[in-house]
């Protein structure tokens, strides 16, 4: 586990990293599948929440 907690990798991820992770999670789906968009959306929400919580804990 990272010293910053289990969400440190997510908090520090940029959009390109999240898109790559989403692609790996949805690699068996067709490119036009709406699930890919949803996965990207939720990864960004989780990242933004992790960043917000980190900033609040300072």
PDB file of N, CA and C in Angstrom:
ATOM      1  N   UNK A   1       0.847  -1.179   0.000  1.00  0.00           N
ATOM      2  CA  UNK A   1       0.000   0.000   0.000  1.00  0.00           C
ATOM      3  C   UNK A   1       0.889   1.237   0.000  1.00  0.00           C
ATOM      4  N   UNK A   2       0.455   2.242  -0.704  1.00  0.00           N
ATOM      5  CA  UNK A   2       1.205   3.495  -0.772  1.00  0.00           C
ATOM      6  C   UNK A   2       1.123   4.224   0.556  1.00  0.00           C
ATOM      7  N   UNK A   3       2.102   5.059   0.802  1.00  0.00           N
ATOM      8  CA  UNK A   3       2.123   5.790   2.066  1.00  0.00           C
ATOM      9  C   UNK A   3       0.946   6.746   2.197  1.00  0.00           C
ATOM     10  N   UNK A   4       0.389   7.195   1.082  1.00  0.00           N
ATOM     11  CA  UNK A   4      -0.727   8.130   1.104  1.00  0.00           C
ATOM     12  C   UNK A   4      -2.079   7.456   1.169  1.00  0.00           C
ATOM     13  N   UNK A   5      -2.117   6.167   1.308  1.00  0.00           N
ATOM     14  CA  UNK A   5      -3.374   5.442   1.372  1.00  0.00           C
ATOM     15  C   UNK A   5      -3.679   4.732   0.064  1.00  0.00           C
ATOM     16  N   UNK A   6      -4.728   3.933   0.079  1.00  0.00           N
ATOM     17  CA  UNK A   6      -5.024   3.103  -1.094  1.00  0.00           C
ATOM     18  C   UNK A   6      -5.475   3.889  -2.321  1.00  0.00           C
ATOM     19  N   UNK A   7      -5.879   5.130  -2.157  1.00  0.00           N
ATOM     20  CA  UNK A   7      -6.351   5.911  -3.296  1.00  0.00           C
ATOM     21  C   UNK A   7      -5.325   6.913  -3.800  1.00  0.00           C
ATOM     22  N   UNK A   8      -4.093   6.818  -3.320  1.00  0.00           N
ATOM     23  CA  UNK A   8      -3.070   7.771  -3.756  1.00  0.00           C
ATOM     24  C   UNK A   8      -2.846   7.699  -5.263  1.00  0.00           C
ATOM     25  N   UNK A   9      -2.800   6.491  -5.812  1.00  0.00           N
ATOM     26  CA  UNK A   9      -2.596   6.349  -7.257  1.00  0.00           C
ATOM     27  C   UNK A   9      -3.733   7.006  -8.029  1.00  0.00           C
ATOM     28  N   UNK A  10      -4.954   6.867  -7.525  1.00  0.00           N
ATOM     29  CA  UNK A  10      -6.116   7.454  -8.189  1.00  0.00           C
ATOM     30  C   UNK A  10      -6.094   8.974  -8.077  1.00  0.00           C
ATOM     31  N   UNK A  11      -5.760   9.467  -6.907  1.00  0.00           N
ATOM     32  CA  UNK A  11      -5.715  10.916  -6.677  1.00  0.00           C
ATOM     33  C   UNK A  11      -4.699  11.580  -7.595  1.00  0.00           C
ATOM     34  N   UNK A  12      -3.594  10.902  -7.865  1.00  0.00           N
ATOM     35  CA  UNK A  12      -2.522  11.475  -8.676  1.00  0.00           C
ATOM     36  C   UNK A  12      -2.662  11.197 -10.171  1.00  0.00           C
ATOM     37  N   UNK A  13      -3.655  10.420 -10.561  1.00  0.00           N
ATOM     38  CA  UNK A  13      -3.810  10.030 -11.965  1.00  0.00           C
ATOM     39  C   UNK A  13      -4.337  11.190 -12.807  1.00  0.00           C
ATOM     40  N   UNK A  14      -3.776  11.316 -14.006  1.00  0.00           N
ATOM     41  CA  UNK A  14      -4.327  12.298 -14.938  1.00  0.00           C
ATOM     42  C   UNK A  14      -5.323  11.587 -15.861  1.00  0.00           C
ATOM     43  N   UNK A  15      -5.959  12.347 -16.743  1.00  0.00           N
ATOM     44  CA  UNK A  15      -6.989  11.772 -17.604  1.00  0.00           C
ATOM     45  C   UNK A  15      -6.454  10.654 -18.496  1.00  0.00           C
ATOM     46  N   UNK A  16      -5.224  10.780 -18.981  1.00  0.00           N
ATOM     47  CA  UNK A  16      -4.656   9.751 -19.853  1.00  0.00           C
ATOM     48  C   UNK A  16      -4.512   8.422 -19.111  1.00  0.00           C
ATOM     49  N   UNK A  17      -4.092   8.474 -17.856  1.00  0.00           N
ATOM     50  CA  UNK A  17      -3.960   7.258 -17.047  1.00  0.00           C
ATOM     51  C   UNK A  17      -5.330   6.631 -16.822  1.00  0.00           C
ATOM     52  N   UNK A  18      -6.325   7.460 -16.513  1.00  0.00           N
ATOM     53  CA  UNK A  18      -7.676   6.942 -16.296  1.00  0.00           C
ATOM     54  C   UNK A  18      -8.247   6.348 -17.576  1.00  0.00           C
ATOM     55  N   UNK A  19      -7.995   6.978 -18.718  1.00  0.00           N
ATOM     56  CA  UNK A  19      -8.474   6.439 -19.988  1.00  0.00           C
ATOM     57  C   UNK A  19      -7.825   5.092 -20.289  1.00  0.00           C
ATOM     58  N   UNK A  20      -6.538   4.957 -19.999  1.00  0.00           N
ATOM     59  CA  UNK A  20      -5.845   3.684 -20.217  1.00  0.00           C
ATOM     60  C   UNK A  20      -6.423   2.605 -19.307  1.00  0.00           C
ATOM     61  N   UNK A  21      -6.672   2.938 -18.060  1.00  0.00           N
ATOM     62  CA  UNK A  21      -7.255   1.988 -17.115  1.00  0.00           C
ATOM     63  C   UNK A  21      -8.657   1.584 -17.570  1.00  0.00           C
ATOM     64  N   UNK A  22      -9.448   2.549 -18.014  1.00  0.00           N
ATOM     65  CA  UNK A  22     -10.793   2.253 -18.519  1.00  0.00           C
ATOM     66  C   UNK A  22     -10.719   1.336 -19.737  1.00  0.00           C
ATOM     67  N   UNK A  23      -9.755   1.577 -20.610  1.00  0.00           N
ATOM     68  CA  UNK A  23      -9.593   0.732 -21.795  1.00  0.00           C
ATOM     69  C   UNK A  23      -9.262  -0.701 -21.401  1.00  0.00           C
ATOM     70  N   UNK A  24      -8.423  -0.871 -20.388  1.00  0.00           N
ATOM     71  CA  UNK A  24      -8.083  -2.214 -19.929  1.00  0.00           C
ATOM     72  C   UNK A  24      -9.289  -2.906 -19.297  1.00  0.00           C
ATOM     73  N   UNK A  25     -10.103  -2.150 -18.571  1.00  0.00           N
ATOM     74  CA  UNK A  25     -11.288  -2.737 -17.944  1.00  0.00           C
ATOM     75  C   UNK A  25     -12.350  -3.127 -18.962  1.00  0.00           C
ATOM     76  N   UNK A  26     -12.379  -2.435 -20.081  1.00  0.00           N
ATOM     77  CA  UNK A  26     -13.440  -2.637 -21.070  1.00  0.00           C
ATOM     78  C   UNK A  26     -12.893  -3.161 -22.392  1.00  0.00           C
ATOM     79  N   UNK A  27     -11.742  -3.822 -22.375  1.00  0.00           N
ATOM     80  CA  UNK A  27     -11.084  -4.225 -23.614  1.00  0.00           C
ATOM     81  C   UNK A  27     -11.903  -5.196 -24.458  1.00  0.00           C
ATOM     82  N   UNK A  28     -12.819  -5.928 -23.873  1.00  0.00           N
ATOM     83  CA  UNK A  28     -13.624  -6.881 -24.627  1.00  0.00           C
ATOM     84  C   UNK A  28     -14.880  -6.255 -25.225  1.00  0.00           C
ATOM     85  N   UNK A  29     -15.103  -4.979 -24.974  1.00  0.00           N
ATOM     86  CA  UNK A  29     -16.296  -4.303 -25.479  1.00  0.00           C
ATOM     87  C   UNK A  29     -16.003  -3.595 -26.800  1.00  0.00           C
ATOM     88  N   UNK A  30     -17.018  -3.447 -27.652  1.00  0.00           N
ATOM     89  CA  UNK A  30     -16.823  -2.653 -28.872  1.00  0.00           C
ATOM     90  C   UNK A  30     -16.539  -1.193 -28.514  1.00  0.00           C
ATOM     91  N   UNK A  31     -15.803  -0.511 -29.367  1.00  0.00           N
ATOM     92  CA  UNK A  31     -15.397   0.868 -29.083  1.00  0.00           C
ATOM     93  C   UNK A  31     -16.570   1.818 -28.885  1.00  0.00           C
ATOM     94  N   UNK A  32     -17.715   1.522 -29.485  1.00  0.00           N
ATOM     95  CA  UNK A  32     -18.858   2.417 -29.358  1.00  0.00           C
ATOM     96  C   UNK A  32     -19.792   2.037 -28.206  1.00  0.00           C
ATOM     97  N   UNK A  33     -19.368   1.107 -27.377  1.00  0.00           N
ATOM     98  CA  UNK A  33     -20.206   0.677 -26.252  1.00  0.00           C
ATOM     99  C   UNK A  33     -20.287   1.793 -25.208  1.00  0.00           C
ATOM    100  N   UNK A  34     -21.489   2.142 -24.759  1.00  0.00           N
ATOM    101  CA  UNK A  34     -21.636   3.218 -23.772  1.00  0.00           C
ATOM    102  C   UNK A  34     -20.994   2.899 -22.418  1.00  0.00           C
ATOM    103  N   UNK A  35     -20.708   1.645 -22.150  1.00  0.00           N
ATOM    104  CA  UNK A  35     -20.077   1.273 -20.883  1.00  0.00           C
ATOM    105  C   UNK A  35     -18.696   1.909 -20.758  1.00  0.00           C
ATOM    106  N   UNK A  36     -17.986   2.057 -21.874  1.00  0.00           N
ATOM    107  CA  UNK A  36     -16.656   2.666 -21.840  1.00  0.00           C
ATOM    108  C   UNK A  36     -16.743   4.102 -21.333  1.00  0.00           C
ATOM    109  N   UNK A  37     -17.725   4.835 -21.822  1.00  0.00           N
ATOM    110  CA  UNK A  37     -17.922   6.218 -21.384  1.00  0.00           C
ATOM    111  C   UNK A  37     -18.266   6.251 -19.898  1.00  0.00           C
ATOM    112  N   UNK A  38     -19.113   5.343 -19.459  1.00  0.00           N
ATOM    113  CA  UNK A  38     -19.499   5.290 -18.045  1.00  0.00           C
ATOM    114  C   UNK A  38     -18.303   4.975 -17.148  1.00  0.00           C
ATOM    115  N   UNK A  39     -17.457   4.039 -17.560  1.00  0.00           N
ATOM    116  CA  UNK A  39     -16.274   3.690 -16.765  1.00  0.00           C
ATOM    117  C   UNK A  39     -15.360   4.900 -16.642  1.00  0.00           C
ATOM    118  N   UNK A  40     -15.130   5.598 -17.734  1.00  0.00           N
ATOM    119  CA  UNK A  40     -14.291   6.803 -17.686  1.00  0.00           C
ATOM    120  C   UNK A  40     -14.894   7.849 -16.760  1.00  0.00           C
ATOM    121  N   UNK A  41     -16.205   8.037 -16.866  1.00  0.00           N
ATOM    122  CA  UNK A  41     -16.899   9.015 -16.022  1.00  0.00           C
ATOM    123  C   UNK A  41     -16.724   8.679 -14.543  1.00  0.00           C
ATOM    124  N   UNK A  42     -16.955   7.431 -14.163  1.00  0.00           N
ATOM    125  CA  UNK A  42     -16.868   7.047 -12.752  1.00  0.00           C
ATOM    126  C   UNK A  42     -15.437   7.058 -12.233  1.00  0.00           C
ATOM    127  N   UNK A  43     -14.468   6.723 -13.072  1.00  0.00           N
ATOM    128  CA  UNK A  43     -13.072   6.832 -12.644  1.00  0.00           C
ATOM    129  C   UNK A  43     -12.714   8.286 -12.340  1.00  0.00           C
ATOM    130  N   UNK A  44     -13.169   9.197 -13.178  1.00  0.00           N
ATOM    131  CA  UNK A  44     -12.897  10.620 -12.932  1.00  0.00           C
ATOM    132  C   UNK A  44     -13.598  11.102 -11.668  1.00  0.00           C
ATOM    133  N   UNK A  45     -14.813  10.655 -11.433  1.00  0.00           N
ATOM    134  CA  UNK A  45     -15.524  11.038 -10.203  1.00  0.00           C
ATOM    135  C   UNK A  45     -14.796  10.510  -8.973  1.00  0.00           C
ATOM    136  N   UNK A  46     -14.333   9.259  -9.036  1.00  0.00           N
ATOM    137  CA  UNK A  46     -13.595   8.694  -7.902  1.00  0.00           C
ATOM    138  C   UNK A  46     -12.303   9.466  -7.678  1.00  0.00           C
ATOM    139  N   UNK A  47     -11.610   9.825  -8.764  1.00  0.00           N
ATOM    140  CA  UNK A  47     -10.372  10.598  -8.633  1.00  0.00           C
ATOM    141  C   UNK A  47     -10.648  11.958  -8.010  1.00  0.00           C
ATOM    142  N   UNK A  48     -11.670  12.641  -8.494  1.00  0.00           N
ATOM    143  CA  UNK A  48     -11.992  13.962  -7.961  1.00  0.00           C
ATOM    144  C   UNK A  48     -12.384  13.880  -6.490  1.00  0.00           C
ATOM    145  N   UNK A  49     -13.101  12.828  -6.115  1.00  0.00           N
ATOM    146  CA  UNK A  49     -13.472  12.635  -4.711  1.00  0.00           C
ATOM    147  C   UNK A  49     -12.233  12.367  -3.858  1.00  0.00           C
ATOM    148  N   UNK A  50     -11.309  11.552  -4.370  1.00  0.00           N
ATOM    149  CA  UNK A  50     -10.071  11.280  -3.633  1.00  0.00           C
ATOM    150  C   UNK A  50      -9.266  12.565  -3.448  1.00  0.00           C
ATOM    151  N   UNK A  51      -9.209  13.392  -4.472  1.00  0.00           N
ATOM    152  CA  UNK A  51      -8.490  14.669  -4.361  1.00  0.00           C
ATOM    153  C   UNK A  51      -9.165  15.591  -3.352  1.00  0.00           C
ATOM    154  N   UNK A  52     -10.496  15.650  -3.393  1.00  0.00           N
ATOM    155  CA  UNK A  52     -11.231  16.503  -2.463  1.00  0.00           C
ATOM    156  C   UNK A  52     -10.990  16.047  -1.030  1.00  0.00           C
ATOM    157  N   UNK A  53     -11.072  14.752  -0.786  1.00  0.00           N
ATOM    158  CA  UNK A  53     -10.860  14.231   0.568  1.00  0.00           C
ATOM    159  C   UNK A  53      -9.435  14.488   1.040  1.00  0.00           C
ATOM    160  N   UNK A  54      -8.488  14.361   0.131  1.00  0.00           N
ATOM    161  CA  UNK A  54      -7.093  14.630   0.482  1.00  0.00           C
ATOM    162  C   UNK A  54      -6.918  16.093   0.881  1.00  0.00           C
ATOM    163  N   UNK A  55      -7.511  16.992   0.111  1.00  0.00           N
ATOM    164  CA  UNK A  55      -7.392  18.423   0.410  1.00  0.00           C
ATOM    165  C   UNK A  55      -8.092  18.784   1.715  1.00  0.00           C
ATOM    166  N   UNK A  56      -9.208  18.124   2.020  1.00  0.00           N
ATOM    167  CA  UNK A  56      -9.924  18.395   3.266  1.00  0.00           C
ATOM    168  C   UNK A  56      -9.156  17.892   4.485  1.00  0.00           C
ATOM    169  N   UNK A  57      -8.331  16.868   4.299  1.00  0.00           N
ATOM    170  CA  UNK A  57      -7.616  16.289   5.438  1.00  0.00           C
ATOM    171  C   UNK A  57      -6.342  17.051   5.780  1.00  0.00           C
ATOM    172  N   UNK A  58      -5.977  18.017   4.982  1.00  0.00           N
ATOM    173  CA  UNK A  58      -4.747  18.789   5.229  1.00  0.00           C
ATOM    174  C   UNK A  58      -4.924  19.748   6.363  1.00  0.00           C
TER     175      UNK A  58
END
